[in-house]
C-alpha cells in the first residue's frame, strides 16, 4: 500500500478548506488522541462536506471522480465554494479517501497544551497560518466551534502535497 493510500482522514470546515485552497491556512489545532498519533511526514486527506453524484452536472466546478464502496462511479462536489443550487450534503465524517481533493503532509506536531495556553500563544503570524486575519478572529472562530471545551490541544503544521 502506498503512502498516499495510507493517508489518514482529518475533517475541516468549509471555511478552513477554502483557506487551505487559497494557500493561507497551514496550521490546525486538534483535541485529544486523534492528533497525538501524528508525526512529521504522515499524509492526511482532507475530509469536507461533499455530495456524491452519479453524473457530472457541473463540469466547470471542482470535482473528483471516484468509485464508491459499492463499485459505482461517482463525482464528488464540495460544499466549500459551491456556487450552484443546493445539493444534499454529506458530513465530512463519511468522506472516503477517493473523494477527497486535498492531500496534506504533516510538517510539525507540537506537544499538547491546555486550551488556554494554546489560545494565548496565538499572535498575528500564527493567526494567519491558521487562516484567520487576526488573533481575535481566530479565538472567536475557536469559541464558536468548541465553546468552553477544555483538554489538551495539539498544533499540527502541514503543507499541501
Protein backbone atom coordinates (compact mmCIF):
# COMPACT_ATOMS: atom_id res chain seq x y z
CA UNK A 1 0.00 0.00 0.00
CA UNK A 2 1.43 3.40 -0.98
CA UNK A 3 1.84 6.30 1.45
CA UNK A 4 -0.99 8.12 -0.32
CA UNK A 5 -3.32 5.13 0.15
CA UNK A 6 -2.38 5.01 3.85
CA UNK A 7 -3.29 8.68 4.33
CA UNK A 8 -5.45 9.34 7.35
CA UNK A 9 -8.56 11.50 7.15
CA UNK A 10 -8.85 14.79 9.01
CA UNK A 11 -12.10 16.80 8.97
CA UNK A 12 -12.09 20.50 8.11
CA UNK A 13 -14.83 23.14 7.97
CA UNK A 14 -15.80 24.78 4.68
CA UNK A 15 -14.00 27.97 5.70
CA UNK A 16 -10.80 26.05 6.53
CA UNK A 17 -10.90 24.19 3.19
CA UNK A 18 -11.19 27.48 1.29
CA UNK A 19 -8.27 28.91 3.30
CA UNK A 20 -6.13 25.82 2.50
CA UNK A 21 -7.00 26.10 -1.19
CA UNK A 22 -6.07 29.80 -1.15
CA UNK A 23 -2.70 28.96 0.43
CA UNK A 24 -3.42 30.83 3.68
CA UNK A 25 -4.04 28.01 6.16
CA UNK A 26 -1.02 25.87 7.06
CA UNK A 27 -1.74 25.05 10.72
CA UNK A 28 -4.59 23.39 12.59
CA UNK A 29 -5.20 22.64 16.24
CA UNK A 30 -6.93 19.47 17.42
CA UNK A 31 -8.12 17.99 20.69
CA UNK A 32 -7.08 14.68 22.10
CA UNK A 33 -5.96 11.27 20.92
CA UNK A 34 -6.51 11.77 17.19
CA UNK A 35 -3.70 14.31 16.94
CA UNK A 36 -1.28 12.57 19.29
CA UNK A 37 -0.65 9.76 16.78
CA UNK A 38 0.64 12.14 14.12
CA UNK A 39 4.27 12.82 13.26
CA UNK A 40 6.10 14.73 10.52
CA UNK A 41 5.82 13.03 7.13
CA UNK A 42 2.40 11.45 7.74
CA UNK A 43 -0.11 12.13 4.96
CA UNK A 44 -3.60 13.38 5.72
CA UNK A 45 -6.50 13.63 3.33
CA UNK A 46 -8.93 16.48 3.88
CA UNK A 47 -12.44 15.36 4.77
CA UNK A 48 -15.02 18.02 3.91
CA UNK A 49 -18.76 18.25 3.26
CA UNK A 50 -19.49 16.78 -0.18
CA UNK A 51 -22.14 15.30 -2.41
CA UNK A 52 -21.56 12.16 -4.44
CA UNK A 53 -23.40 12.41 -7.78
CA UNK A 54 -23.60 9.73 -10.46
CA UNK A 55 -23.47 12.38 -13.21
CA UNK A 56 -21.13 15.34 -13.55
CA UNK A 57 -23.83 18.01 -13.62
CA UNK A 58 -21.37 20.88 -13.26
CA UNK A 59 -18.18 20.20 -15.26
CA UNK A 60 -16.97 23.75 -14.58
CA UNK A 61 -16.89 23.26 -10.78
CA UNK A 62 -14.16 21.49 -8.81
CA UNK A 63 -14.97 17.81 -8.53
CA UNK A 64 -13.30 14.44 -8.16
CA UNK A 65 -14.32 11.25 -9.93
CA UNK A 66 -14.21 8.23 -7.64
CA UNK A 67 -15.64 4.74 -7.19
CA UNK A 68 -17.77 4.27 -4.08
CA UNK A 69 -17.70 1.19 -1.84
CA UNK A 70 -20.42 -0.45 -3.99
CA UNK A 71 -18.35 -0.08 -7.16
CA UNK A 72 -20.43 2.81 -8.55
CA UNK A 73 -18.61 5.61 -10.37
CA UNK A 74 -19.46 8.99 -8.80
CA UNK A 75 -18.47 12.64 -8.91
CA UNK A 76 -17.75 14.38 -5.60
CA UNK A 77 -18.77 18.03 -5.44
CA UNK A 78 -17.67 20.08 -2.47
CA UNK A 79 -19.81 22.41 -0.38
CA UNK A 80 -16.86 24.76 0.22
CA UNK A 81 -17.06 27.21 -2.67
CA UNK A 82 -20.12 25.60 -4.30
CA UNK A 83 -21.91 28.19 -6.44
CA UNK A 84 -24.96 26.34 -7.76
CA UNK A 85 -28.32 25.25 -6.37
CA UNK A 86 -28.00 23.34 -3.11
CA UNK A 87 -27.34 19.64 -3.11
CA UNK A 88 -27.87 17.14 -0.35
CA UNK A 89 -24.56 17.41 1.51
CA UNK A 90 -22.91 14.53 3.32
CA UNK A 91 -20.96 15.04 6.51
CA UNK A 92 -17.16 15.15 6.20
CA UNK A 93 -17.16 12.24 8.63
CA UNK A 94 -18.27 9.95 5.79
CA UNK A 95 -15.96 11.20 3.03
CA UNK A 96 -13.94 8.33 1.54
CA UNK A 97 -10.29 8.89 0.63
CA UNK A 98 -11.08 8.52 -3.08
CA UNK A 99 -13.47 11.51 -2.98
CA UNK A 100 -11.00 13.90 -1.33
CA UNK A 101 -9.46 16.71 -3.37
CA UNK A 102 -6.71 17.70 -0.93
CA UNK A 103 -3.77 15.76 0.45
CA UNK A 104 -1.64 17.25 3.24
CA UNK A 105 1.78 16.30 4.62
CA UNK A 106 2.35 16.83 8.35
CA UNK A 107 5.38 19.12 8.78
CA UNK A 108 5.32 19.58 12.56
CA UNK A 109 3.44 18.38 15.59
CA UNK A 110 3.78 20.43 18.75
CA UNK A 111 3.20 18.85 22.10
CA UNK A 112 -0.27 19.03 23.55
CA UNK A 113 -1.01 22.03 25.75
CA UNK A 114 -4.06 23.29 27.57
CA UNK A 115 -6.67 25.21 25.56
CA UNK A 116 -5.98 28.45 27.45
CA UNK A 117 -2.23 28.27 26.89
CA UNK A 118 -2.66 27.32 23.25
CA UNK A 119 -5.06 30.18 22.52
CA UNK A 120 -2.96 32.69 24.47
CA UNK A 121 0.05 31.87 22.28
CA UNK A 122 -1.71 32.98 19.07
CA UNK A 123 -0.01 36.06 17.61
CA UNK A 124 -0.77 37.74 14.28
CA UNK A 125 1.54 35.44 12.26
CA UNK A 126 0.10 32.31 13.87
CA UNK A 127 -3.47 33.53 13.30
CA UNK A 128 -2.63 33.99 9.61
CA UNK A 129 -1.15 30.45 9.45
CA UNK A 130 -4.46 29.27 10.97
CA UNK A 131 -6.35 31.00 8.16
CA UNK A 132 -7.66 33.89 10.29
CA UNK A 133 -6.98 37.61 9.81
CA UNK A 134 -6.27 38.38 13.47
CA UNK A 135 -5.72 36.55 16.76
CA UNK A 136 -9.13 37.79 17.90
CA UNK A 137 -10.80 36.38 14.77
CA UNK A 138 -9.13 33.01 15.38
CA UNK A 139 -10.20 32.93 19.03
CA UNK A 140 -13.78 33.87 18.08
CA UNK A 141 -13.88 31.06 15.49
CA UNK A 142 -12.43 28.60 18.01
CA UNK A 143 -15.04 29.61 20.62
CA UNK A 144 -17.87 29.27 18.08
CA UNK A 145 -16.72 25.75 17.18
CA UNK A 146 -15.60 24.42 20.58
CA UNK A 147 -17.33 26.61 23.17
CA UNK A 148 -15.59 26.35 26.53
CA UNK A 149 -14.39 22.78 25.99
CA UNK A 150 -11.23 22.02 27.92
CA UNK A 151 -8.48 19.49 27.31
CA UNK A 152 -5.15 19.08 25.61
CA UNK A 153 -4.67 20.71 22.21
CA UNK A 154 -2.06 19.71 19.62
CA UNK A 155 -0.81 22.13 16.95
CA UNK A 156 -0.27 20.48 13.55
CA UNK A 157 1.69 22.25 10.82
CA UNK A 158 1.16 20.95 7.28
CA UNK A 159 1.85 21.54 3.60
CA UNK A 160 -0.34 20.70 0.61
CA UNK A 161 1.00 17.79 -1.45
